[in-house]
Amino acid sequence: MTQPCQFAYALNGDRRGQLLSGRDIEELLEAETLCWAHLDAADPETPDWVSMKLNYLDHTVTEALTQTETRQRANVIGDGLLVILRGINMNEGMDREDMVAVRVWADANRIVTLSRQRVRALEDIAKEVALCEGPETAGEFLSLLAARLNARFAPFVHELDQSVEALETEVIDSPRSELRRKIVALRLSVVELRRHAPPQRDAVNDLLESGSPLLSDQDLRELHEAHDKLVRLAENLDELRDNLSVLRDELQGQLSDRLNRHMYLISIMSGVFLPLGFLTGLLGINVGGIPGAGDPHAFWVFSAILIGILCIQVVVLRVFRWMN
């Protein structure tokens, strides 16, 4: 069987911070030293690897760790924790709101993480571990993971907030149909993030209330901070969704008002020139008996009549307040 493990480290003991490979990974996973192994969940060999190395787990846990579609959660299973969280997708060519799932199995002696794409939060933790500055317990690892995931989630939400504020100024100052695309794009991003933010918040809360012995008081305090940030982020996303709905309605209203003003102006112009056009058309027919056909002053008299009719129409429109 091939090795689906992308990297592995010893988190404590004499080999703390060492990058492991081959048989060393298998030995430390079975030893009392805490070992962290990260797997490629998209590798077809991963399910077999998990089943063999974590053979003491129920098959439902193995399926939860390896299945394609996941939802954030945190469950106590025996002496360990099954945790599934999501992080902002920082991979090239991917939408950041298409968050990447991080599956974690943690107990006192081993941590196994799985993801189908690169997760920068895990890479950050790996760099700290390589410098012997990373977590030394499963609880520290989970609290640090939640914090690192938030570290990229919060700036993205703040960026969306700034984009919505800038869009609000554009909608109010210079409404135009092109802004609809921006509103739709931002709404899609917010909707996608809102699909993940509340479950992430609930998963961290479940982790806080799990009562697992893996979590120390310090770990719980840090998880509380992560949970509070997720609560604020979820609230901010709700506010952004509402703001975008208001902006969409405001833009639609302003564009409709502009169209109505133009149509009203065209209607006024049509009403003004309709009788004038009727008269000029009537006198322009090529038949005998047209009044003033032989009078050299008839053109100017007729023009004066048209001007008089135009003035009467303007006065009538203003009296009835149909024209400002």
C-alpha atoms as a PDB file:
ATOM      1  CA  MET A   1       0.000   0.000   0.000  1.00  0.00           C
ATOM      2  CA  THR A   2       1.264   3.472  -0.895  1.00  0.00           C
ATOM      3  CA  GLN A   3       1.780   6.139   1.729  1.00  0.00           C
ATOM      4  CA  PRO A   4      -0.986   8.826   1.602  1.00  0.00           C
ATOM      5  CA  CYS A   5       0.591  10.719   4.501  1.00  0.00           C
ATOM      6  CA  GLN A   6       1.789  14.135   3.343  1.00  0.00           C
ATOM      7  CA  PHE A   7       3.760  14.938   6.487  1.00  0.00           C
ATOM      8  CA  ALA A   8       4.022  13.862  10.103  1.00  0.00           C
ATOM      9  CA  TYR A   9       5.646  15.285  13.232  1.00  0.00           C
ATOM     10  CA  ALA A  10       6.304  14.247  16.797  1.00  0.00           C
ATOM     11  CA  LEU A  11       4.647  16.872  19.010  1.00  0.00           C
ATOM     12  CA  ASN A  12       6.329  15.971  22.289  1.00  0.00           C
ATOM     13  CA  GLY A  13       8.951  13.673  23.736  1.00  0.00           C
ATOM     14  CA  ASP A  14      12.585  13.357  22.706  1.00  0.00           C
ATOM     15  CA  ARG A  15      11.775  13.634  19.002  1.00  0.00           C
ATOM     16  CA  ARG A  16       9.621  16.711  19.287  1.00  0.00           C
ATOM     17  CA  GLY A  17       9.592  18.796  16.114  1.00  0.00           C
ATOM     18  CA  GLN A  18      11.115  16.056  13.954  1.00  0.00           C
ATOM     19  CA  LEU A  19       9.636  15.442  10.516  1.00  0.00           C
ATOM     20  CA  LEU A  20       8.769  11.755  10.369  1.00  0.00           C
ATOM     21  CA  SER A  21       8.622   9.365   7.452  1.00  0.00           C
ATOM     22  CA  GLY A  22       8.138   5.693   6.664  1.00  0.00           C
ATOM     23  CA  ARG A  23       8.155   3.324   9.599  1.00  0.00           C
ATOM     24  CA  ASP A  24       8.755   6.155  12.068  1.00  0.00           C
ATOM     25  CA  ILE A  25       5.196   7.381  11.481  1.00  0.00           C
ATOM     26  CA  GLU A  26       3.699   3.967  12.198  1.00  0.00           C
ATOM     27  CA  GLU A  27       5.844   3.460  15.285  1.00  0.00           C
ATOM     28  CA  LEU A  28       5.006   6.822  16.843  1.00  0.00           C
ATOM     29  CA  LEU A  29       1.315   6.455  16.059  1.00  0.00           C
ATOM     30  CA  GLU A  30       1.351   3.346  18.212  1.00  0.00           C
ATOM     31  CA  ALA A  31       3.629   4.786  20.933  1.00  0.00           C
ATOM     32  CA  GLU A  32       2.729   6.956  23.905  1.00  0.00           C
ATOM     33  CA  THR A  33       4.434   9.944  22.308  1.00  0.00           C
ATOM     34  CA  LEU A  34       1.960  12.358  20.697  1.00  0.00           C
ATOM     35  CA  CYS A  35       2.307  12.157  16.919  1.00  0.00           C
ATOM     36  CA  TRP A  36       0.557  14.220  14.259  1.00  0.00           C
ATOM     37  CA  ALA A  37       0.049  12.845  10.751  1.00  0.00           C
ATOM     38  CA  HIS A  38      -1.615  14.770   7.941  1.00  0.00           C
ATOM     39  CA  LEU A  39      -3.193  12.826   5.088  1.00  0.00           C
ATOM     40  CA  ASP A  40      -4.428  13.659   1.622  1.00  0.00           C
ATOM     41  CA  ALA A  41      -8.142  12.862   1.826  1.00  0.00           C
ATOM     42  CA  ALA A  42      -8.349  12.711  -1.974  1.00  0.00           C
ATOM     43  CA  ASP A  43      -5.815   9.868  -2.140  1.00  0.00           C
ATOM     44  CA  PRO A  44      -7.643   6.570  -2.882  1.00  0.00           C
ATOM     45  CA  GLU A  45      -5.380   4.783  -0.372  1.00  0.00           C
ATOM     46  CA  THR A  46      -6.371   7.053   2.501  1.00  0.00           C
ATOM     47  CA  PRO A  47      -9.485   5.123   3.668  1.00  0.00           C
ATOM     48  CA  ASP A  48      -7.459   1.886   3.927  1.00  0.00           C
ATOM     49  CA  TRP A  49      -4.643   3.700   5.725  1.00  0.00           C
ATOM     50  CA  VAL A  50      -7.054   5.158   8.283  1.00  0.00           C
ATOM     51  CA  SER A  51      -8.785   1.811   8.773  1.00  0.00           C
ATOM     52  CA  MET A  52      -5.464   0.073   9.433  1.00  0.00           C
ATOM     53  CA  LYS A  53      -3.739   2.683  11.599  1.00  0.00           C
ATOM     54  CA  LEU A  54      -6.880   3.640  13.532  1.00  0.00           C
ATOM     55  CA  ASN A  55      -8.398   0.165  13.584  1.00  0.00           C
ATOM     56  CA  TYR A  56      -9.787   0.703  17.075  1.00  0.00           C
ATOM     57  CA  LEU A  57     -12.271   3.259  15.710  1.00  0.00           C
ATOM     58  CA  ASP A  58     -15.820   2.505  14.671  1.00  0.00           C
ATOM     59  CA  HIS A  59     -16.369   2.407  10.898  1.00  0.00           C
ATOM     60  CA  THR A  60     -18.657   5.440  11.132  1.00  0.00           C
ATOM     61  CA  VAL A  61     -15.720   7.511  12.381  1.00  0.00           C
ATOM     62  CA  THR A  62     -13.545   6.278   9.542  1.00  0.00           C
ATOM     63  CA  GLU A  63     -16.261   7.210   7.063  1.00  0.00           C
ATOM     64  CA  ALA A  64     -16.648  10.663   8.634  1.00  0.00           C
ATOM     65  CA  LEU A  65     -12.913  11.251   8.240  1.00  0.00           C
ATOM     66  CA  THR A  66     -12.723  10.157   4.612  1.00  0.00           C
ATOM     67  CA  GLN A  67     -16.069  10.969   2.989  1.00  0.00           C
ATOM     68  CA  THR A  68     -16.192  13.626   0.264  1.00  0.00           C
ATOM     69  CA  GLU A  69     -18.978  15.806   1.658  1.00  0.00           C
ATOM     70  CA  THR A  70     -18.685  16.922   5.276  1.00  0.00           C
ATOM     71  CA  ARG A  71     -20.307  19.290   7.719  1.00  0.00           C
ATOM     72  CA  GLN A  72     -18.618  20.946  10.665  1.00  0.00           C
ATOM     73  CA  ARG A  73     -19.036  19.141  13.958  1.00  0.00           C
ATOM     74  CA  ALA A  74     -17.262  18.024  17.127  1.00  0.00           C
ATOM     75  CA  ASN A  75     -18.025  14.725  18.863  1.00  0.00           C
ATOM     76  CA  VAL A  76     -16.529  12.865  21.793  1.00  0.00           C
ATOM     77  CA  ILE A  77     -15.937   9.258  20.786  1.00  0.00           C
ATOM     78  CA  GLY A  78     -14.429   7.092  23.466  1.00  0.00           C
ATOM     79  CA  ASP A  79     -11.224   8.729  24.670  1.00  0.00           C
ATOM     80  CA  GLY A  80     -10.861  10.857  21.567  1.00  0.00           C
ATOM     81  CA  LEU A  81     -12.433  13.678  19.600  1.00  0.00           C
ATOM     82  CA  LEU A  82     -13.744  13.751  16.055  1.00  0.00           C
ATOM     83  CA  VAL A  83     -13.633  17.342  14.849  1.00  0.00           C
ATOM     84  CA  ILE A  84     -14.475  18.697  11.391  1.00  0.00           C
ATOM     85  CA  LEU A  85     -13.873  22.377  10.682  1.00  0.00           C
ATOM     86  CA  ARG A  86     -13.459  24.483   7.557  1.00  0.00           C
ATOM     87  CA  GLY A  87     -10.948  27.080   6.456  1.00  0.00           C
ATOM     88  CA  ILE A  88     -10.835  29.767   3.776  1.00  0.00           C
ATOM     89  CA  ASN A  89      -9.704  28.315   0.453  1.00  0.00           C
ATOM     90  CA  MET A  90      -6.397  30.028  -0.337  1.00  0.00           C
ATOM     91  CA  ASN A  91      -5.490  27.692  -3.188  1.00  0.00           C
ATOM     92  CA  GLU A  92      -4.678  29.186  -6.585  1.00  0.00           C
ATOM     93  CA  GLY A  93      -7.599  29.373  -8.972  1.00  0.00           C
ATOM     94  CA  MET A  94     -10.171  28.627  -6.260  1.00  0.00           C
ATOM     95  CA  ASP A  95     -12.830  30.861  -4.736  1.00  0.00           C
ATOM     96  CA  ARG A  96     -11.912  31.736  -1.171  1.00  0.00           C
ATOM     97  CA  GLU A  97     -15.488  31.283   0.016  1.00  0.00           C
ATOM     98  CA  ASP A  98     -15.387  27.645  -1.145  1.00  0.00           C
ATOM     99  CA  MET A  99     -14.043  26.638   2.255  1.00  0.00           C
ATOM    100  CA  VAL A 100     -11.838  23.563   2.643  1.00  0.00           C
ATOM    101  CA  ALA A 101     -12.825  20.905   5.185  1.00  0.00           C
ATOM    102  CA  VAL A 102     -10.302  19.860   7.826  1.00  0.00           C
ATOM    103  CA  ARG A 103     -11.075  16.497   9.413  1.00  0.00           C
ATOM    104  CA  VAL A 104      -9.368  15.721  12.711  1.00  0.00           C
ATOM    105  CA  TRP A 105      -9.138  12.667  14.914  1.00  0.00           C
ATOM    106  CA  ALA A 106      -7.390  13.420  18.192  1.00  0.00           C
ATOM    107  CA  ASP A 107      -6.672  11.395  21.286  1.00  0.00           C
ATOM    108  CA  ALA A 108      -3.988  11.468  23.940  1.00  0.00           C
ATOM    109  CA  ASN A 109      -1.281   9.878  21.745  1.00  0.00           C
ATOM    110  CA  ARG A 110      -2.137  10.670  18.143  1.00  0.00           C
ATOM    111  CA  ILE A 111      -3.608  13.341  15.928  1.00  0.00           C
ATOM    112  CA  VAL A 112      -4.632  12.525  12.372  1.00  0.00           C
ATOM    113  CA  THR A 113      -5.794  15.311  10.072  1.00  0.00           C
ATOM    114  CA  LEU A 114      -7.182  14.981   6.558  1.00  0.00           C
ATOM    115  CA  SER A 115      -8.010  17.493   3.822  1.00  0.00           C
ATOM    116  CA  ARG A 116      -8.680  17.271   0.103  1.00  0.00           C
ATOM    117  CA  GLN A 117      -6.813  20.509  -0.639  1.00  0.00           C
ATOM    118  CA  ARG A 118      -4.028  22.516   0.920  1.00  0.00           C
ATOM    119  CA  VAL A 119      -4.954  24.167   4.195  1.00  0.00           C
ATOM    120  CA  ARG A 120      -2.704  27.068   5.111  1.00  0.00           C
ATOM    121  CA  ALA A 121      -3.682  26.879   8.775  1.00  0.00           C
ATOM    122  CA  LEU A 122      -2.256  23.350   9.001  1.00  0.00           C
ATOM    123  CA  GLU A 123       0.885  24.455   7.202  1.00  0.00           C
ATOM    124  CA  ASP A 124       1.290  27.307   9.696  1.00  0.00           C
ATOM    125  CA  ILE A 125       1.038  24.863  12.577  1.00  0.00           C
ATOM    126  CA  ALA A 126       3.529  22.516  10.887  1.00  0.00           C
ATOM    127  CA  LYS A 127       6.050  25.352  10.612  1.00  0.00           C
ATOM    128  CA  GLU A 128       5.692  26.097  14.318  1.00  0.00           C
ATOM    129  CA  VAL A 129       6.058  22.416  15.193  1.00  0.00           C
ATOM    130  CA  ALA A 130       9.231  22.179  13.089  1.00  0.00           C
ATOM    131  CA  LEU A 131      10.674  25.012  15.207  1.00  0.00           C
ATOM    132  CA  CYS A 132       9.654  23.200  18.418  1.00  0.00           C
ATOM    133  CA  GLU A 133       7.256  26.051  19.164  1.00  0.00           C
ATOM    134  CA  GLY A 134       3.991  24.318  18.299  1.00  0.00           C
ATOM    135  CA  PRO A 135       1.392  22.497  20.403  1.00  0.00           C
ATOM    136  CA  GLU A 136       2.443  19.642  22.678  1.00  0.00           C
ATOM    137  CA  THR A 137      -1.006  18.242  23.467  1.00  0.00           C
ATOM    138  CA  ALA A 138      -4.107  17.390  21.468  1.00  0.00           C
ATOM    139  CA  GLY A 139      -6.036  20.173  23.208  1.00  0.00           C
ATOM    140  CA  GLU A 140      -3.407  22.749  22.293  1.00  0.00           C
ATOM    141  CA  PHE A 141      -3.497  21.529  18.711  1.00  0.00           C
ATOM    142  CA  LEU A 142      -7.293  21.882  18.424  1.00  0.00           C
ATOM    143  CA  SER A 143      -7.409  25.337  20.001  1.00  0.00           C
ATOM    144  CA  LEU A 144      -4.534  26.510  17.807  1.00  0.00           C
ATOM    145  CA  LEU A 145      -6.221  25.086  14.708  1.00  0.00           C
ATOM    146  CA  ALA A 146      -9.439  26.968  15.476  1.00  0.00           C
ATOM    147  CA  ALA A 147      -7.466  30.191  15.973  1.00  0.00           C
ATOM    148  CA  ARG A 148      -5.484  29.754  12.744  1.00  0.00           C
ATOM    149  CA  LEU A 149      -8.641  29.090  10.745  1.00  0.00           C
ATOM    150  CA  ASN A 150     -10.206  32.262  12.164  1.00  0.00           C
ATOM    151  CA  ALA A 151      -7.054  34.214  11.312  1.00  0.00           C
ATOM    152  CA  ARG A 152      -7.889  33.928   7.610  1.00  0.00           C
ATOM    153  CA  PHE A 153     -11.668  33.891   7.949  1.00  0.00           C
ATOM    154  CA  ALA A 154     -11.937  37.254   9.721  1.00  0.00           C
ATOM    155  CA  PRO A 155      -9.884  39.310   7.182  1.00  0.00           C
ATOM    156  CA  PHE A 156     -11.942  37.917   4.303  1.00  0.00           C
ATOM    157  CA  VAL A 157     -15.203  38.955   5.996  1.00  0.00           C
ATOM    158  CA  HIS A 158     -13.693  42.380   6.704  1.00  0.00           C
ATOM    159  CA  GLU A 159     -12.730  42.667   3.034  1.00  0.00           C
ATOM    160  CA  LEU A 160     -16.293  41.855   2.008  1.00  0.00           C
ATOM    161  CA  ASP A 161     -17.556  44.455   4.480  1.00  0.00           C
ATOM    162  CA  GLN A 162     -15.363  47.126   2.898  1.00  0.00           C
ATOM    163  CA  SER A 163     -16.517  46.108  -0.591  1.00  0.00           C
ATOM    164  CA  VAL A 164     -20.149  46.448   0.467  1.00  0.00           C
ATOM    165  CA  GLU A 165     -19.488  49.901   1.934  1.00  0.00           C
ATOM    166  CA  ALA A 166     -17.811  51.030  -1.295  1.00  0.00           C
ATOM    167  CA  LEU A 167     -20.693  49.587  -3.294  1.00  0.00           C
ATOM    168  CA  GLU A 168     -23.192  51.448  -1.136  1.00  0.00           C
ATOM    169  CA  THR A 169     -21.506  54.734  -2.042  1.00  0.00           C
ATOM    170  CA  GLU A 170     -21.644  53.873  -5.738  1.00  0.00           C
ATOM    171  CA  VAL A 171     -25.306  52.893  -5.603  1.00  0.00           C
ATOM    172  CA  ILE A 172     -26.267  56.157  -3.900  1.00  0.00           C
ATOM    173  CA  ASP A 173     -24.021  58.518  -5.883  1.00  0.00           C
ATOM    174  CA  SER A 174     -24.033  56.989  -9.361  1.00  0.00           C
ATOM    175  CA  PRO A 175     -26.524  54.149  -9.776  1.00  0.00           C
ATOM    176  CA  ARG A 176     -26.055  52.135 -12.980  1.00  0.00           C
ATOM    177  CA  SER A 177     -27.023  48.720 -14.210  1.00  0.00           C
ATOM    178  CA  GLU A 178     -23.408  47.426 -14.097  1.00  0.00           C
ATOM    179  CA  LEU A 179     -23.561  47.494 -10.296  1.00  0.00           C
ATOM    180  CA  ARG A 180     -26.005  44.597 -10.355  1.00  0.00           C
ATOM    181  CA  ARG A 181     -23.165  42.227 -11.230  1.00  0.00           C
ATOM    182  CA  LYS A 182     -21.137  43.432  -8.248  1.00  0.00           C
ATOM    183  CA  ILE A 183     -24.096  42.995  -5.923  1.00  0.00           C
ATOM    184  CA  VAL A 184     -24.751  39.482  -7.224  1.00  0.00           C
ATOM    185  CA  ALA A 185     -21.074  38.491  -6.865  1.00  0.00           C
ATOM    186  CA  LEU A 186     -20.901  39.788  -3.292  1.00  0.00           C
ATOM    187  CA  ARG A 187     -24.206  38.151  -2.394  1.00  0.00           C
ATOM    188  CA  LEU A 188     -22.968  34.793  -3.665  1.00  0.00           C
ATOM    189  CA  SER A 189     -19.796  35.106  -1.576  1.00  0.00           C
ATOM    190  CA  VAL A 190     -21.731  36.071   1.542  1.00  0.00           C
ATOM    191  CA  VAL A 191     -24.305  33.299   1.040  1.00  0.00           C
ATOM    192  CA  GLU A 192     -21.546  30.705   0.647  1.00  0.00           C
ATOM    193  CA  LEU A 193     -19.768  31.912   3.785  1.00  0.00           C
ATOM    194  CA  ARG A 194     -23.031  31.983   5.724  1.00  0.00           C
ATOM    195  CA  ARG A 195     -23.501  28.334   4.793  1.00  0.00           C
ATOM    196  CA  HIS A 196     -20.316  27.487   6.687  1.00  0.00           C
ATOM    197  CA  ALA A 197     -20.019  30.100   9.452  1.00  0.00           C
ATOM    198  CA  PRO A 198     -22.900  29.027  11.758  1.00  0.00           C
ATOM    199  CA  PRO A 199     -21.966  25.299  11.627  1.00  0.00           C
ATOM    200  CA  GLN A 200     -18.351  26.273  12.370  1.00  0.00           C
ATOM    201  CA  ARG A 201     -19.504  28.310  15.346  1.00  0.00           C
ATOM    202  CA  ASP A 202     -21.665  25.435  16.585  1.00  0.00           C
ATOM    203  CA  ALA A 203     -18.848  22.926  16.139  1.00  0.00           C
ATOM    204  CA  VAL A 204     -16.462  24.986  18.271  1.00  0.00           C
ATOM    205  CA  ASN A 205     -19.225  25.412  20.850  1.00  0.00           C
ATOM    206  CA  ASP A 206     -19.767  21.634  20.908  1.00  0.00           C
ATOM    207  CA  LEU A 207     -16.037  21.237  21.419  1.00  0.00           C
ATOM    208  CA  LEU A 208     -16.214  23.640  24.370  1.00  0.00           C
ATOM    209  CA  GLU A 209     -19.095  21.701  25.920  1.00  0.00           C
ATOM    210  CA  SER A 210     -17.661  18.264  25.182  1.00  0.00           C
ATOM    211  CA  GLY A 211     -16.050  17.878  28.598  1.00  0.00           C
ATOM    212  CA  SER A 212     -13.162  16.020  26.968  1.00  0.00           C
ATOM    213  CA  PRO A 213     -10.131  15.441  29.230  1.00  0.00           C
ATOM    214  CA  LEU A 214      -7.970  16.356  26.248  1.00  0.00           C
ATOM    215  CA  LEU A 215      -8.875  20.016  26.740  1.00  0.00           C
ATOM    216  CA  SER A 216      -7.166  21.891  29.546  1.00  0.00           C
ATOM    217  CA  ASP A 217      -8.463  25.102  31.099  1.00  0.00           C
ATOM    218  CA  GLN A 218      -6.106  27.106  28.879  1.00  0.00           C
ATOM    219  CA  ASP A 219      -7.344  25.250  25.809  1.00  0.00           C
ATOM    220  CA  LEU A 220     -10.939  26.031  26.766  1.00  0.00           C
ATOM    221  CA  ARG A 221     -10.147  29.724  27.211  1.00  0.00           C
ATOM    222  CA  GLU A 222      -8.592  29.868  23.751  1.00  0.00           C
ATOM    223  CA  LEU A 223     -11.526  27.984  22.256  1.00  0.00           C
ATOM    224  CA  HIS A 224     -13.857  30.494  23.920  1.00  0.00           C
ATOM    225  CA  GLU A 225     -12.007  33.273  22.112  1.00  0.00           C
ATOM    226  CA  ALA A 226     -12.288  31.405  18.818  1.00  0.00           C
ATOM    227  CA  HIS A 227     -15.995  30.831  19.421  1.00  0.00           C
ATOM    228  CA  ASP A 228     -16.624  34.505  20.207  1.00  0.00           C
ATOM    229  CA  LYS A 229     -14.904  35.526  16.964  1.00  0.00           C
ATOM    230  CA  LEU A 230     -17.031  33.072  15.021  1.00  0.00           C
ATOM    231  CA  VAL A 231     -20.179  34.480  16.630  1.00  0.00           C
ATOM    232  CA  ARG A 232     -19.175  37.983  15.528  1.00  0.00           C
ATOM    233  CA  LEU A 233     -18.281  36.776  12.043  1.00  0.00           C
ATOM    234  CA  ALA A 234     -21.635  35.023  11.659  1.00  0.00           C
ATOM    235  CA  GLU A 235     -23.407  38.206  12.800  1.00  0.00           C
ATOM    236  CA  ASN A 236     -21.355  40.293  10.374  1.00  0.00           C
ATOM    237  CA  LEU A 237     -22.294  37.973   7.520  1.00  0.00           C
ATOM    238  CA  ASP A 238     -25.974  38.275   8.426  1.00  0.00           C
ATOM    239  CA  GLU A 239     -25.614  42.049   8.388  1.00  0.00           C
ATOM    240  CA  LEU A 240     -23.807  41.966   5.032  1.00  0.00           C
ATOM    241  CA  ARG A 241     -26.554  39.810   3.550  1.00  0.00           C
ATOM    242  CA  ASP A 242     -29.207  42.271   4.731  1.00  0.00           C
ATOM    243  CA  ASN A 243     -27.196  45.262   3.480  1.00  0.00           C
ATOM    244  CA  LEU A 244     -26.811  43.694   0.057  1.00  0.00           C
ATOM    245  CA  SER A 245     -30.541  43.019  -0.103  1.00  0.00           C
ATOM    246  CA  VAL A 246     -31.211  46.684   0.699  1.00  0.00           C
ATOM    247  CA  LEU A 247     -28.650  47.796  -1.892  1.00  0.00           C
ATOM    248  CA  ARG A 248     -30.215  45.553  -4.516  1.00  0.00           C
ATOM    249  CA  ASP A 249     -33.662  47.015  -3.828  1.00  0.00           C
ATOM    250  CA  GLU A 250     -32.276  50.557  -3.734  1.00  0.00           C
ATOM    251  CA  LEU A 251     -30.470  50.124  -7.052  1.00  0.00           C
ATOM    252  CA  GLN A 252     -33.540  48.599  -8.655  1.00  0.00           C
ATOM    253  CA  GLY A 253     -35.679  51.440  -7.321  1.00  0.00           C
ATOM    254  CA  GLN A 254     -33.324  54.140  -8.574  1.00  0.00           C
ATOM    255  CA  LEU A 255     -33.028  52.548 -12.016  1.00  0.00           C
ATOM    256  CA  SER A 256     -36.812  52.208 -12.178  1.00  0.00           C
ATOM    257  CA  ASP A 257     -37.227  55.857 -11.144  1.00  0.00           C
ATOM    258  CA  ARG A 258     -34.796  56.938 -13.826  1.00  0.00           C
ATOM    259  CA  LEU A 259     -36.646  54.906 -16.452  1.00  0.00           C
ATOM    260  CA  ASN A 260     -39.981  56.313 -15.289  1.00  0.00           C
ATOM    261  CA  ARG A 261     -38.666  59.868 -15.521  1.00  0.00           C
ATOM    262  CA  HIS A 262     -37.475  59.258 -19.063  1.00  0.00           C
ATOM    263  CA  MET A 263     -40.760  57.650 -20.061  1.00  0.00           C
ATOM    264  CA  TYR A 264     -42.682  60.523 -18.452  1.00  0.00           C
ATOM    265  CA  LEU A 265     -40.612  63.064 -20.373  1.00  0.00           C
ATOM    266  CA  ILE A 266     -41.249  61.189 -23.606  1.00  0.00           C
ATOM    267  CA  SER A 267     -44.973  61.099 -22.816  1.00  0.00           C
ATOM    268  CA  ILE A 268     -45.041  64.858 -22.189  1.00  0.00           C
ATOM    269  CA  MET A 269     -43.211  65.521 -25.438  1.00  0.00           C
ATOM    270  CA  SER A 270     -45.573  63.208 -27.325  1.00  0.00           C
ATOM    271  CA  GLY A 271     -48.600  64.955 -25.803  1.00  0.00           C
ATOM    272  CA  VAL A 272     -47.239  68.369 -26.753  1.00  0.00           C
ATOM    273  CA  PHE A 273     -46.374  67.560 -30.340  1.00  0.00           C
ATOM    274  CA  LEU A 274     -49.350  65.318 -31.104  1.00  0.00           C
ATOM    275  CA  PRO A 275     -51.830  68.178 -31.874  1.00  0.00           C
ATOM    276  CA  LEU A 276     -49.104  70.172 -33.621  1.00  0.00           C
ATOM    277  CA  GLY A 277     -48.261  67.197 -35.782  1.00  0.00           C
ATOM    278  CA  PHE A 278     -51.944  66.646 -36.513  1.00  0.00           C
ATOM    279  CA  LEU A 279     -52.370  70.223 -37.737  1.00  0.00           C
ATOM    280  CA  THR A 280     -49.230  70.241 -39.853  1.00  0.00           C
ATOM    281  CA  GLY A 281     -50.178  66.876 -41.312  1.00  0.00           C
ATOM    282  CA  LEU A 282     -53.714  68.025 -42.050  1.00  0.00           C
ATOM    283  CA  LEU A 283     -52.541  71.159 -43.872  1.00  0.00           C
ATOM    284  CA  GLY A 284     -49.839  69.253 -45.696  1.00  0.00           C
ATOM    285  CA  ILE A 285     -52.151  66.975 -47.656  1.00  0.00           C
ATOM    286  CA  ASN A 286     -51.921  67.477 -51.382  1.00  0.00           C
ATOM    287  CA  VAL A 287     -55.592  68.292 -52.191  1.00  0.00           C
ATOM    288  CA  GLY A 288     -57.359  71.408 -53.269  1.00  0.00           C
ATOM    289  CA  GLY A 289     -59.117  73.813 -50.900  1.00  0.00           C
ATOM    290  CA  ILE A 290     -56.298  74.154 -48.337  1.00  0.00           C
ATOM    291  CA  PRO A 291     -56.891  77.497 -46.476  1.00  0.00           C
ATOM    292  CA  GLY A 292     -54.292  80.136 -47.257  1.00  0.00           C
ATOM    293  CA  ALA A 293     -52.785  78.256 -50.180  1.00  0.00           C
ATOM    294  CA  GLY A 294     -52.615  81.444 -52.212  1.00  0.00           C
ATOM    295  CA  ASP A 295     -51.772  83.842 -49.360  1.00  0.00           C
ATOM    296  CA  PRO A 296     -48.032  84.760 -49.089  1.00  0.00           C
ATOM    297  CA  HIS A 297     -48.424  85.412 -45.334  1.00  0.00           C
ATOM    298  CA  ALA A 298     -50.231  82.140 -44.538  1.00  0.00           C
ATOM    299  CA  PHE A 299     -47.060  80.305 -43.449  1.00  0.00           C
ATOM    300  CA  TRP A 300     -46.227  82.882 -40.779  1.00  0.00           C
ATOM    301  CA  VAL A 301     -49.812  83.064 -39.581  1.00  0.00           C
ATOM    302  CA  PHE A 302     -49.947  79.281 -39.272  1.00  0.00           C
ATOM    303  CA  SER A 303     -46.587  79.226 -37.438  1.00  0.00           C
ATOM    304  CA  ALA A 304     -47.883  81.798 -34.959  1.00  0.00           C
ATOM    305  CA  ILE A 305     -50.968  79.669 -34.380  1.00  0.00           C
ATOM    306  CA  LEU A 306     -48.771  76.637 -33.648  1.00  0.00           C
ATOM    307  CA  ILE A 307     -46.665  78.641 -31.207  1.00  0.00           C
ATOM    308  CA  GLY A 308     -49.819  79.865 -29.510  1.00  0.00           C
ATOM    309  CA  ILE A 309     -51.139  76.315 -29.168  1.00  0.00           C
ATOM    310  CA  LEU A 310     -47.738  75.228 -27.749  1.00  0.00           C
ATOM    311  CA  CYS A 311     -47.876  78.007 -25.141  1.00  0.00           C
ATOM    312  CA  ILE A 312     -51.433  77.051 -24.141  1.00  0.00           C
ATOM    313  CA  GLN A 313     -50.352  73.420 -23.727  1.00  0.00           C
ATOM    314  CA  VAL A 314     -47.418  74.408 -21.509  1.00  0.00           C
ATOM    315  CA  VAL A 315     -49.706  76.550 -19.340  1.00  0.00           C
ATOM    316  CA  VAL A 316     -52.248  73.705 -19.021  1.00  0.00           C
ATOM    317  CA  LEU A 317     -49.501  71.208 -18.102  1.00  0.00           C
ATOM    318  CA  ARG A 318     -48.152  73.523 -15.425  1.00  0.00           C
ATOM    319  CA  VAL A 319     -51.614  74.283 -14.007  1.00  0.00           C
ATOM    320  CA  PHE A 320     -52.303  70.575 -13.592  1.00  0.00           C
ATOM    321  CA  ARG A 321     -48.695  70.037 -12.378  1.00  0.00           C
ATOM    322  CA  TRP A 322     -47.951  67.506 -15.050  1.00  0.00           C
ATOM    323  CA  MET A 323     -44.711  69.305 -15.875  1.00  0.00           C
ATOM    324  CA  ASN A 324     -42.304  70.805 -13.345  1.00  0.00           C
END
